[in-house]
PDB file of all heavy atoms in Angstrom:
ATOM      1  N   GLN A   1       0.850  -1.157  -0.024  1.00  0.00           N
ATOM      2  CA  GLN A   1      -0.044  -0.028  -0.031  1.00  0.00           C
ATOM      3  C   GLN A   1       0.914   1.211   0.038  1.00  0.00           C
ATOM      4  O   GLN A   1       0.575   2.218  -0.701  1.00  0.00           O
ATOM      5  CB  GLN A   1      -0.936   0.014   1.222  1.00  0.00           C
ATOM      6  CG  GLN A   1      -1.767   1.252   1.447  1.00  0.00           C
ATOM      7  CD  GLN A   1      -3.011   1.294   0.564  1.00  0.00           C
ATOM      8  OE1 GLN A   1      -3.338   0.399  -0.033  1.00  0.00           O
ATOM      9  NE2 GLN A   1      -3.586   2.506   0.493  1.00  0.00           N
ATOM     10  N   ARG A   2       1.953   1.215   0.786  1.00  0.00           N
ATOM     11  CA  ARG A   2       2.814   2.383   0.877  1.00  0.00           C
ATOM     12  C   ARG A   2       3.631   2.554  -0.478  1.00  0.00           C
ATOM     13  O   ARG A   2       3.886   3.706  -0.882  1.00  0.00           O
ATOM     14  CB  ARG A   2       3.896   2.129   1.968  1.00  0.00           C
ATOM     15  CG  ARG A   2       3.241   2.319   3.379  1.00  0.00           C
ATOM     16  CD  ARG A   2       2.954   3.764   3.718  1.00  0.00           C
ATOM     17  NE  ARG A   2       4.199   4.434   3.862  1.00  0.00           N
ATOM     18  CZ  ARG A   2       4.404   5.738   3.509  1.00  0.00           C
ATOM     19  NH1 ARG A   2       3.439   6.405   3.025  1.00  0.00           N
ATOM     20  NH2 ARG A   2       5.589   6.310   3.737  1.00  0.00           N
ATOM     21  N   LEU A   3       3.911   1.446  -1.172  1.00  0.00           N
ATOM     22  CA  LEU A   3       4.616   1.453  -2.469  1.00  0.00           C
ATOM     23  C   LEU A   3       3.663   2.029  -3.528  1.00  0.00           C
ATOM     24  O   LEU A   3       4.058   2.908  -4.322  1.00  0.00           O
ATOM     25  CB  LEU A   3       5.117   0.123  -2.838  1.00  0.00           C
ATOM     26  CG  LEU A   3       5.712   0.036  -4.251  1.00  0.00           C
ATOM     27  CD1 LEU A   3       7.014   0.801  -4.369  1.00  0.00           C
ATOM     28  CD2 LEU A   3       6.049  -1.534  -4.535  1.00  0.00           C
ATOM     29  N   GLU A   4       2.429   1.544  -3.586  1.00  0.00           N
ATOM     30  CA  GLU A   4       1.556   1.807  -4.748  1.00  0.00           C
ATOM     31  C   GLU A   4       0.586   2.957  -4.465  1.00  0.00           C
ATOM     32  O   GLU A   4      -0.004   3.449  -5.455  1.00  0.00           O
ATOM     33  CB  GLU A   4       0.764   0.490  -5.120  1.00  0.00           C
ATOM     34  CG  GLU A   4       1.747  -0.641  -5.591  1.00  0.00           C
ATOM     35  CD  GLU A   4       1.016  -1.856  -5.927  1.00  0.00           C
ATOM     36  OE1 GLU A   4      -0.141  -2.012  -5.508  1.00  0.00           O
ATOM     37  OE2 GLU A   4       1.623  -2.855  -6.533  1.00  0.00           O
ATOM     38  N   ALA A   5       0.363   3.340  -3.320  1.00  0.00           N
ATOM     39  CA  ALA A   5      -0.630   4.398  -2.988  1.00  0.00           C
ATOM     40  C   ALA A   5      -0.107   5.309  -1.890  1.00  0.00           C
ATOM     41  O   ALA A   5      -0.656   5.380  -0.722  1.00  0.00           O
ATOM     42  CB  ALA A   5      -2.018   3.821  -2.634  1.00  0.00           C
ATOM     43  N   PRO A   6       0.995   6.027  -2.112  1.00  0.00           N
ATOM     44  CA  PRO A   6       1.517   6.931  -1.070  1.00  0.00           C
ATOM     45  C   PRO A   6       0.658   8.083  -0.798  1.00  0.00           C
ATOM     46  O   PRO A   6      -0.248   8.461  -1.523  1.00  0.00           O
ATOM     47  CB  PRO A   6       2.878   7.420  -1.756  1.00  0.00           C
ATOM     48  CG  PRO A   6       2.590   7.353  -3.182  1.00  0.00           C
ATOM     49  CD  PRO A   6       1.764   6.103  -3.385  1.00  0.00           C
ATOM     50  N   THR A   7       0.821   8.677   0.439  1.00  0.00           N
ATOM     51  CA  THR A   7       0.096   9.750   0.897  1.00  0.00           C
ATOM     52  C   THR A   7       0.870  11.042   0.797  1.00  0.00           C
ATOM     53  O   THR A   7       1.938  11.255   1.502  1.00  0.00           O
ATOM     54  CB  THR A   7      -0.341   9.553   2.438  1.00  0.00           C
ATOM     55  OG1 THR A   7      -1.123   8.373   2.585  1.00  0.00           O
ATOM     56  CG2 THR A   7      -1.099  10.770   2.885  1.00  0.00           C
ATOM     57  N   PRO A   8       0.533  11.933  -0.070  1.00  0.00           N
ATOM     58  CA  PRO A   8       1.186  13.176  -0.208  1.00  0.00           C
ATOM     59  C   PRO A   8       0.951  14.092   0.981  1.00  0.00           C
ATOM     60  O   PRO A   8      -0.209  14.326   1.450  1.00  0.00           O
ATOM     61  CB  PRO A   8       0.651  13.825  -1.492  1.00  0.00           C
ATOM     62  CG  PRO A   8      -0.718  13.251  -1.626  1.00  0.00           C
ATOM     63  CD  PRO A   8      -0.611  11.873  -1.093  1.00  0.00           C
ATOM     64  N   ARG A   9       1.984  14.649   1.627  1.00  0.00           N
ATOM     65  CA  ARG A   9       1.785  15.487   2.915  1.00  0.00           C
ATOM     66  C   ARG A   9       1.512  16.903   2.529  1.00  0.00           C
ATOM     67  O   ARG A   9       2.184  17.762   3.027  1.00  0.00           O
ATOM     68  CB  ARG A   9       3.127  15.231   3.782  1.00  0.00           C
ATOM     69  CG  ARG A   9       3.411  13.829   4.013  1.00  0.00           C
ATOM     70  CD  ARG A   9       2.425  13.100   4.802  1.00  0.00           C
ATOM     71  NE  ARG A   9       2.719  11.721   5.277  1.00  0.00           N
ATOM     72  CZ  ARG A   9       2.018  10.969   5.918  1.00  0.00           C
ATOM     73  NH1 ARG A   9       0.787  11.273   6.266  1.00  0.00           N
ATOM     74  NH2 ARG A   9       2.468   9.755   6.265  1.00  0.00           N
ATOM     75  N   VAL A  10       0.444  17.086   1.920  1.00  0.00           N
ATOM     76  CA  VAL A  10       0.074  18.507   1.411  1.00  0.00           C
ATOM     77  C   VAL A  10      -0.238  19.390   2.668  1.00  0.00           C
ATOM     78  O   VAL A  10       0.253  20.600   2.688  1.00  0.00           O
ATOM     79  CB  VAL A  10      -1.033  18.413   0.504  1.00  0.00           C
ATOM     80  CG1 VAL A  10      -1.587  19.792   0.129  1.00  0.00           C
ATOM     81  CG2 VAL A  10      -0.708  17.624  -0.812  1.00  0.00           C
ATOM     82  N   ALA A  11      -1.009  18.894   3.586  1.00  0.00           N
ATOM     83  CA  ALA A  11      -1.369  19.762   4.720  1.00  0.00           C
ATOM     84  C   ALA A  11      -0.207  20.058   5.579  1.00  0.00           C
ATOM     85  O   ALA A  11      -0.073  21.257   6.071  1.00  0.00           O
ATOM     86  CB  ALA A  11      -2.485  19.102   5.609  1.00  0.00           C
ATOM     87  N   LEU A  12       0.684  19.121   5.794  1.00  0.00           N
ATOM     88  CA  LEU A  12       1.908  19.453   6.525  1.00  0.00           C
ATOM     89  C   LEU A  12       2.782  20.461   5.839  1.00  0.00           C
ATOM     90  O   LEU A  12       3.281  21.415   6.496  1.00  0.00           O
ATOM     91  CB  LEU A  12       2.714  18.168   6.827  1.00  0.00           C
ATOM     92  CG  LEU A  12       4.075  18.328   7.488  1.00  0.00           C
ATOM     93  CD1 LEU A  12       3.780  18.923   8.921  1.00  0.00           C
ATOM     94  CD2 LEU A  12       4.808  17.013   7.564  1.00  0.00           C
ATOM     95  N   GLY A  13       2.990  20.335   4.567  1.00  0.00           N
ATOM     96  CA  GLY A  13       3.821  21.276   3.859  1.00  0.00           C
ATOM     97  C   GLY A  13       3.277  22.746   3.970  1.00  0.00           C
ATOM     98  O   GLY A  13       4.085  23.704   4.337  1.00  0.00           O
ATOM     99  N   GLN A  14       1.936  22.932   3.951  1.00  0.00           N
ATOM    100  CA  GLN A  14       1.388  24.257   4.062  1.00  0.00           C
ATOM    101  C   GLN A  14       1.550  24.704   5.583  1.00  0.00           C
ATOM    102  O   GLN A  14       1.796  25.937   5.809  1.00  0.00           O
ATOM    103  CB  GLN A  14      -0.002  24.285   3.710  1.00  0.00           C
ATOM    104  CG  GLN A  14      -0.200  24.039   2.223  1.00  0.00           C
ATOM    105  CD  GLN A  14      -1.630  23.957   1.778  1.00  0.00           C
ATOM    106  OE1 GLN A  14      -2.485  24.873   1.890  1.00  0.00           O
ATOM    107  NE2 GLN A  14      -2.022  22.764   1.389  1.00  0.00           N
ATOM    108  N   ALA A  15       1.433  23.790   6.540  1.00  0.00           N
ATOM    109  CA  ALA A  15       1.573  24.103   7.896  1.00  0.00           C
ATOM    110  C   ALA A  15       2.993  24.542   8.347  1.00  0.00           C
ATOM    111  O   ALA A  15       3.200  25.243   9.278  1.00  0.00           O
ATOM    112  CB  ALA A  15       1.161  23.030   8.853  1.00  0.00           C
ATOM    113  N   LEU A  16       3.936  24.085   7.427  1.00  0.00           N
ATOM    114  CA  LEU A  16       5.312  24.404   7.822  1.00  0.00           C
ATOM    115  C   LEU A  16       5.854  25.718   7.257  1.00  0.00           C
ATOM    116  O   LEU A  16       6.976  26.095   7.497  1.00  0.00           O
ATOM    117  CB  LEU A  16       6.216  23.251   7.288  1.00  0.00           C
ATOM    118  CG  LEU A  16       6.162  21.872   8.101  1.00  0.00           C
ATOM    119  CD1 LEU A  16       6.903  20.853   7.370  1.00  0.00           C
ATOM    120  CD2 LEU A  16       6.687  22.125   9.523  1.00  0.00           C
ATOM    121  N   ARG A  17       4.963  26.354   6.429  1.00  0.00           N
ATOM    122  CA  ARG A  17       5.442  27.659   5.932  1.00  0.00           C
ATOM    123  C   ARG A  17       5.610  28.590   7.119  1.00  0.00           C
ATOM    124  O   ARG A  17       4.882  28.674   8.081  1.00  0.00           O
ATOM    125  CB  ARG A  17       4.302  28.273   5.020  1.00  0.00           C
ATOM    126  CG  ARG A  17       4.129  27.564   3.688  1.00  0.00           C
ATOM    127  CD  ARG A  17       3.295  28.441   2.698  1.00  0.00           C
ATOM    128  NE  ARG A  17       2.031  28.875   3.164  1.00  0.00           N
ATOM    129  CZ  ARG A  17       0.893  28.623   2.638  1.00  0.00           C
ATOM    130  NH1 ARG A  17       0.800  27.740   1.648  1.00  0.00           N
ATOM    131  NH2 ARG A  17      -0.264  29.124   3.148  1.00  0.00           N
ATOM    132  N   GLY A  18       6.764  29.322   7.102  1.00  0.00           N
ATOM    133  CA  GLY A  18       7.206  30.121   8.160  1.00  0.00           C
ATOM    134  C   GLY A  18       7.788  29.449   9.395  1.00  0.00           C
ATOM    135  O   GLY A  18       8.166  30.152  10.359  1.00  0.00           O
ATOM    136  N   VAL A  19       7.831  28.130   9.304  1.00  0.00           N
ATOM    137  CA  VAL A  19       8.434  27.348  10.454  1.00  0.00           C
ATOM    138  C   VAL A  19       9.695  26.606   9.987  1.00  0.00           C
ATOM    139  O   VAL A  19      10.705  26.731  10.465  1.00  0.00           O
ATOM    140  CB  VAL A  19       7.323  26.263  10.912  1.00  0.00           C
ATOM    141  CG1 VAL A  19       7.975  25.407  11.952  1.00  0.00           C
ATOM    142  CG2 VAL A  19       6.116  27.015  11.442  1.00  0.00           C
ATOM    143  N   ALA A  20       9.523  25.869   8.840  1.00  0.00           N
ATOM    144  CA  ALA A  20      10.663  25.143   8.348  1.00  0.00           C
ATOM    145  C   ALA A  20      11.613  26.032   7.691  1.00  0.00           C
ATOM    146  O   ALA A  20      11.247  27.018   6.964  1.00  0.00           O
ATOM    147  CB  ALA A  20      10.205  24.018   7.362  1.00  0.00           C
ATOM    148  N   SER A  21      12.969  25.729   7.673  1.00  0.00           N
ATOM    149  CA  SER A  21      14.001  26.545   6.984  1.00  0.00           C
ATOM    150  C   SER A  21      14.293  25.920   5.648  1.00  0.00           C
ATOM    151  O   SER A  21      14.742  26.744   4.739  1.00  0.00           O
ATOM    152  CB  SER A  21      15.228  26.689   7.807  1.00  0.00           C
ATOM    153  OG  SER A  21      15.755  25.372   8.218  1.00  0.00           O
ATOM    154  N   SER A  22      14.013  24.674   5.440  1.00  0.00           N
ATOM    155  CA  SER A  22      14.158  24.093   4.146  1.00  0.00           C
ATOM    156  C   SER A  22      13.316  22.801   4.154  1.00  0.00           C
ATOM    157  O   SER A  22      12.934  22.345   5.167  1.00  0.00           O
ATOM    158  CB  SER A  22      15.630  23.734   3.883  1.00  0.00           C
ATOM    159  OG  SER A  22      16.037  22.687   4.694  1.00  0.00           O
ATOM    160  N   ALA A  23      12.994  22.299   2.966  1.00  0.00           N
ATOM    161  CA  ALA A  23      12.181  21.129   2.835  1.00  0.00           C
ATOM    162  C   ALA A  23      12.362  20.506   1.399  1.00  0.00           C
ATOM    163  O   ALA A  23      12.696  21.134   0.402  1.00  0.00           O
ATOM    164  CB  ALA A  23      10.725  21.368   3.111  1.00  0.00           C
ATOM    165  N   LEU A  24      12.087  19.168   1.379  1.00  0.00           N
ATOM    166  CA  LEU A  24      11.924  18.515   0.058  1.00  0.00           C
ATOM    167  C   LEU A  24      11.134  17.158   0.337  1.00  0.00           C
ATOM    168  O   LEU A  24      10.948  16.782   1.483  1.00  0.00           O
ATOM    169  CB  LEU A  24      13.210  18.212  -0.629  1.00  0.00           C
ATOM    170  CG  LEU A  24      14.440  17.434   0.036  1.00  0.00           C
ATOM    171  CD1 LEU A  24      14.144  16.172   0.577  1.00  0.00           C
ATOM    172  CD2 LEU A  24      15.578  17.415  -0.843  1.00  0.00           C
ATOM    173  N   ASP A  25      10.699  16.543  -0.778  1.00  0.00           N
ATOM    174  CA  ASP A  25      10.058  15.219  -0.490  1.00  0.00           C
ATOM    175  C   ASP A  25      10.987  14.048  -0.811  1.00  0.00           C
ATOM    176  O   ASP A  25      11.943  14.262  -1.623  1.00  0.00           O
ATOM    177  CB  ASP A  25       8.788  15.190  -1.393  1.00  0.00           C
ATOM    178  CG  ASP A  25       9.023  14.828  -2.793  1.00  0.00           C
ATOM    179  OD1 ASP A  25      10.034  15.338  -3.424  1.00  0.00           O
ATOM    180  OD2 ASP A  25       8.219  14.096  -3.434  1.00  0.00           O
ATOM    181  N   VAL A  26      10.772  13.071  -0.011  1.00  0.00           N
ATOM    182  CA  VAL A  26      11.744  11.896  -0.104  1.00  0.00           C
ATOM    183  C   VAL A  26      11.152  10.928  -1.191  1.00  0.00           C
ATOM    184  O   VAL A  26      10.207  10.221  -0.870  1.00  0.00           O
ATOM    185  CB  VAL A  26      11.857  11.235   1.243  1.00  0.00           C
ATOM    186  CG1 VAL A  26      12.820   9.998   1.151  1.00  0.00           C
ATOM    187  CG2 VAL A  26      12.394  12.155   2.322  1.00  0.00           C
ATOM    188  N   SER A  27      11.670  10.983  -2.357  1.00  0.00           N
ATOM    189  CA  SER A  27      11.233  10.161  -3.446  1.00  0.00           C
ATOM    190  C   SER A  27      12.302   9.102  -3.856  1.00  0.00           C
ATOM    191  O   SER A  27      11.905   7.942  -4.214  1.00  0.00           O
ATOM    192  CB  SER A  27      10.894  11.023  -4.660  1.00  0.00           C
ATOM    193  OG  SER A  27      11.984  11.894  -5.016  1.00  0.00           O
ATOM    194  N   ASP A  28      13.562   9.504  -3.870  1.00  0.00           N
ATOM    195  CA  ASP A  28      14.604   8.596  -4.332  1.00  0.00           C
ATOM    196  C   ASP A  28      15.359   7.951  -3.180  1.00  0.00           C
ATOM    197  O   ASP A  28      16.233   7.073  -3.420  1.00  0.00           O
ATOM    198  CB  ASP A  28      15.579   9.249  -5.166  1.00  0.00           C
ATOM    199  CG  ASP A  28      15.015   9.801  -6.474  1.00  0.00           C
ATOM    200  OD1 ASP A  28      13.977   9.115  -6.927  1.00  0.00           O
ATOM    201  OD2 ASP A  28      15.482  10.864  -6.997  1.00  0.00           O
ATOM    202  N   GLY A  29      15.055   8.253  -1.926  1.00  0.00           N
ATOM    203  CA  GLY A  29      15.780   7.760  -0.684  1.00  0.00           C
ATOM    204  C   GLY A  29      16.227   8.905   0.084  1.00  0.00           C
ATOM    205  O   GLY A  29      16.638   9.910  -0.408  1.00  0.00           O
ATOM    206  N   LEU A  30      16.135   8.820   1.380  1.00  0.00           N
ATOM    207  CA  LEU A  30      16.369   9.853   2.320  1.00  0.00           C
ATOM    208  C   LEU A  30      17.759  10.423   2.108  1.00  0.00           C
ATOM    209  O   LEU A  30      17.882  11.623   2.072  1.00  0.00           O
ATOM    210  CB  LEU A  30      16.226   9.321   3.857  1.00  0.00           C
ATOM    211  CG  LEU A  30      16.586  10.308   4.887  1.00  0.00           C
ATOM    212  CD1 LEU A  30      15.682  11.579   4.901  1.00  0.00           C
ATOM    213  CD2 LEU A  30      16.631   9.719   6.309  1.00  0.00           C
ATOM    214  N   LEU A  31      18.846   9.618   2.134  1.00  0.00           N
ATOM    215  CA  LEU A  31      20.079  10.113   2.127  1.00  0.00           C
ATOM    216  C   LEU A  31      20.350  10.881   0.739  1.00  0.00           C
ATOM    217  O   LEU A  31      20.955  11.920   0.803  1.00  0.00           O
ATOM    218  CB  LEU A  31      21.226   8.986   2.226  1.00  0.00           C
ATOM    219  CG  LEU A  31      21.139   8.249   3.545  1.00  0.00           C
ATOM    220  CD1 LEU A  31      22.306   7.355   3.800  1.00  0.00           C
ATOM    221  CD2 LEU A  31      21.146   9.344   4.735  1.00  0.00           C
ATOM    222  N   GLY A  32      19.999  10.317  -0.376  1.00  0.00           N
ATOM    223  CA  GLY A  32      20.204  10.953  -1.624  1.00  0.00           C
ATOM    224  C   GLY A  32      19.464  12.269  -1.784  1.00  0.00           C
ATOM    225  O   GLY A  32      20.044  13.210  -2.159  1.00  0.00           O
TER     226      GLY A  32
END
């Protein structure tokens, strides 16, 4: 289910405006 139907974290991204100093989505692997 996690492989084929991931959950985009849209609400979190908007909530982090003005809070996070940087961000990206983890698509190819955390370290990369």
